[in-house]
C-alpha atoms as a PDB file:
ATOM      1  CA  MET A   1      87.344  91.842  89.616  1.00  0.00           C
ATOM      2  CA  TRP A   2      86.969  89.324  92.447  1.00  0.00           C
ATOM      3  CA  ILE A   3      87.162  86.307  90.106  1.00  0.00           C
ATOM      4  CA  ALA A   4      90.156  87.739  88.288  1.00  0.00           C
ATOM      5  CA  SER A   5      91.986  88.309  91.559  1.00  0.00           C
ATOM      6  CA  SER A   6      91.430  84.672  92.571  1.00  0.00           C
ATOM      7  CA  VAL A   7      92.835  83.467  89.224  1.00  0.00           C
ATOM      8  CA  TYR A   8      95.817  85.795  89.515  1.00  0.00           C
ATOM      9  CA  LEU A   9      96.452  84.602  93.068  1.00  0.00           C
ATOM     10  CA  ALA A  10      96.306  80.966  91.998  1.00  0.00           C
ATOM     11  CA  ASN A  11      98.759  81.590  89.145  1.00  0.00           C
ATOM     12  CA  ALA A  12     101.153  83.581  91.304  1.00  0.00           C
ATOM     13  CA  ILE A  13     101.505  81.002  94.107  1.00  0.00           C
ATOM     14  CA  PRO A  14     103.527  77.798  93.587  1.00  0.00           C
ATOM     15  CA  ARG A  15     101.376  74.668  93.691  1.00  0.00           C
ATOM     16  CA  GLU A  16     103.058  73.241  96.819  1.00  0.00           C
ATOM     17  CA  ASN A  17     102.214  76.349  98.917  1.00  0.00           C
ATOM     18  CA  ARG A  18      98.859  77.219  97.371  1.00  0.00           C
ATOM     19  CA  GLY A  19      96.623  75.467  99.908  1.00  0.00           C
ATOM     20  CA  ARG A  20      98.202  77.121 102.941  1.00  0.00           C
ATOM     21  CA  ILE A  21      98.234  80.606 101.469  1.00  0.00           C
ATOM     22  CA  VAL A  22      94.710  80.459 100.054  1.00  0.00           C
ATOM     23  CA  SER A  23      93.332  79.179 103.356  1.00  0.00           C
ATOM     24  CA  ALA A  24      95.098  81.969 105.292  1.00  0.00           C
ATOM     25  CA  LEU A  25      93.591  84.555 102.966  1.00  0.00           C
ATOM     26  CA  GLY A  26      90.153  82.935 103.012  1.00  0.00           C
ATOM     27  CA  SER A  27      89.608  82.520  99.297  1.00  0.00           C
ATOM     28  CA  GLY A  28      87.623  79.317  99.753  1.00  0.00           C
ATOM     29  CA  ILE A  29      83.886  78.832  99.942  1.00  0.00           C
ATOM     30  CA  SER A  30      81.645  78.592 102.973  1.00  0.00           C
ATOM     31  CA  ILE A  31      79.810  75.317 103.551  1.00  0.00           C
ATOM     32  CA  ARG A  32      77.858  76.676 106.544  1.00  0.00           C
ATOM     33  CA  ILE A  33      79.229  74.305 109.153  1.00  0.00           C
ATOM     34  CA  THR A  34      79.716  77.176 111.599  1.00  0.00           C
ATOM     35  CA  GLY A  35      76.226  78.586 111.176  1.00  0.00           C
ATOM     36  CA  GLY A  36      76.806  80.835 108.182  1.00  0.00           C
ATOM     37  CA  GLY A  37      78.539  84.111 107.768  1.00  0.00           C
ATOM     38  CA  TYR A  38      81.253  85.294 105.417  1.00  0.00           C
ATOM     39  CA  SER A  39      84.112  82.842 105.055  1.00  0.00           C
ATOM     40  CA  SER A  40      87.425  84.566 105.530  1.00  0.00           C
ATOM     41  CA  GLY A  41      90.880  83.519 106.541  1.00  0.00           C
ATOM     42  CA  PHE A  42      92.842  84.462 109.602  1.00  0.00           C
ATOM     43  CA  LEU A  43      94.842  87.185 107.854  1.00  0.00           C
ATOM     44  CA  ILE A  44      91.698  88.966 106.634  1.00  0.00           C
ATOM     45  CA  PHE A  45      89.648  88.871 109.842  1.00  0.00           C
ATOM     46  CA  ILE A  46      91.270  91.756 111.743  1.00  0.00           C
ATOM     47  CA  PRO A  47      91.257  94.204 108.763  1.00  0.00           C
ATOM     48  CA  MET A  48      87.574  93.314 108.155  1.00  0.00           C
ATOM     49  CA  ALA A  49      86.694  94.046 111.794  1.00  0.00           C
ATOM     50  CA  ILE A  50      88.525  97.377 111.677  1.00  0.00           C
ATOM     51  CA  GLY A  51      86.885  98.216 108.344  1.00  0.00           C
ATOM     52  CA  SER A  52      83.428  97.496 109.724  1.00  0.00           C
ATOM     53  CA  LYS A  53      84.023  99.824 112.686  1.00  0.00           C
ATOM     54  CA  VAL A  54      85.483 102.618 110.544  1.00  0.00           C
ATOM     55  CA  GLY A  55      82.701 102.154 107.978  1.00  0.00           C
ATOM     56  CA  GLY A  56      80.085 102.582 110.689  1.00  0.00           C
ATOM     57  CA  ILE A  57      81.719 105.779 111.883  1.00  0.00           C
ATOM     58  CA  ILE A  58      81.925 107.141 108.337  1.00  0.00           C
ATOM     59  CA  TYR A  59      78.288 106.223 107.684  1.00  0.00           C
ATOM     60  CA  THR A  60      77.060 107.985 110.824  1.00  0.00           C
ATOM     61  CA  THR A  61      78.917 111.120 109.707  1.00  0.00           C
ATOM     62  CA  ASN A  62      77.158 111.156 106.328  1.00  0.00           C
ATOM     63  CA  SER A  63      75.425 108.206 104.671  1.00  0.00           C
ATOM     64  CA  ALA A  64      76.766 109.182 101.219  1.00  0.00           C
ATOM     65  CA  TYR A  65      80.449 109.165 102.244  1.00  0.00           C
ATOM     66  CA  PRO A  66      80.938 105.374 101.992  1.00  0.00           C
ATOM     67  CA  TRP A  67      79.777 105.502  98.360  1.00  0.00           C
ATOM     68  CA  TYR A  68      82.158 108.353  97.534  1.00  0.00           C
ATOM     69  CA  LEU A  69      85.037 106.526  99.203  1.00  0.00           C
ATOM     70  CA  GLN A  70      84.205 103.342  97.316  1.00  0.00           C
ATOM     71  CA  ILE A  71      84.270 105.196  93.977  1.00  0.00           C
ATOM     72  CA  ILE A  72      87.686 106.653  94.831  1.00  0.00           C
ATOM     73  CA  ALA A  73      89.112 103.352  96.123  1.00  0.00           C
ATOM     74  CA  LEU A  74      87.900 101.301  93.145  1.00  0.00           C
ATOM     75  CA  THR A  75      89.188 103.894  90.670  1.00  0.00           C
ATOM     76  CA  VAL A  76      92.629 103.829  92.301  1.00  0.00           C
ATOM     77  CA  ALA A  77      92.564  99.988  92.367  1.00  0.00           C
ATOM     78  CA  MET A  78      91.664  99.854  88.665  1.00  0.00           C
ATOM     79  CA  ILE A  79      94.478 102.269  87.729  1.00  0.00           C
ATOM     80  CA  LEU A  80      97.012 100.338  89.809  1.00  0.00           C
ATOM     81  CA  SER A  81      95.814  97.051  88.269  1.00  0.00           C
ATOM     82  CA  PHE A  82      96.350  98.381  84.758  1.00  0.00           C
ATOM     83  CA  LEU A  83      99.788  99.730  85.641  1.00  0.00           C
ATOM     84  CA  PHE A  84     101.268  96.864  87.647  1.00  0.00           C
ATOM     85  CA  ILE A  85      99.510  93.578  86.867  1.00  0.00           C
ATOM     86  CA  LYS A  86     100.867  91.905  83.765  1.00  0.00           C
ATOM     87  CA  ASP A  87      99.690  88.710  82.091  1.00  0.00           C
ATOM     88  CA  ASN A  88     101.590  85.662  83.248  1.00  0.00           C
ATOM     89  CA  LYS A  89     103.074  84.129  80.083  1.00  0.00           C
ATOM     90  CA  LYS A  90     104.210  80.902  81.754  1.00  0.00           C
ATOM     91  CA  MET A  91     101.163  79.441  83.417  1.00  0.00           C
ATOM     92  CA  GLU A  92     101.464  76.479  85.709  1.00  0.00           C
ATOM     93  CA  LYS A  93      99.941  73.390  84.153  1.00  0.00           C
END
């Protein structure tokens, strides 16, 4: 699903704006200049930090809850993908 989302993102963004938007979302690769870690863009950093904190709280409540929540979230994401994402007939060359 991750690879497909990168392809969809690349097809949905005009070529002249693609570099700025992809770098803000952090869809690039890490070359370990900063000492490692997950490469993410500016727009993704704050939600990731909040998600880590909330995930820790959920895990301390019950260690099985994150797995249940992941099943629910991925099922909803799959249903929404099937309903709303259509194949782009005019691809950019």
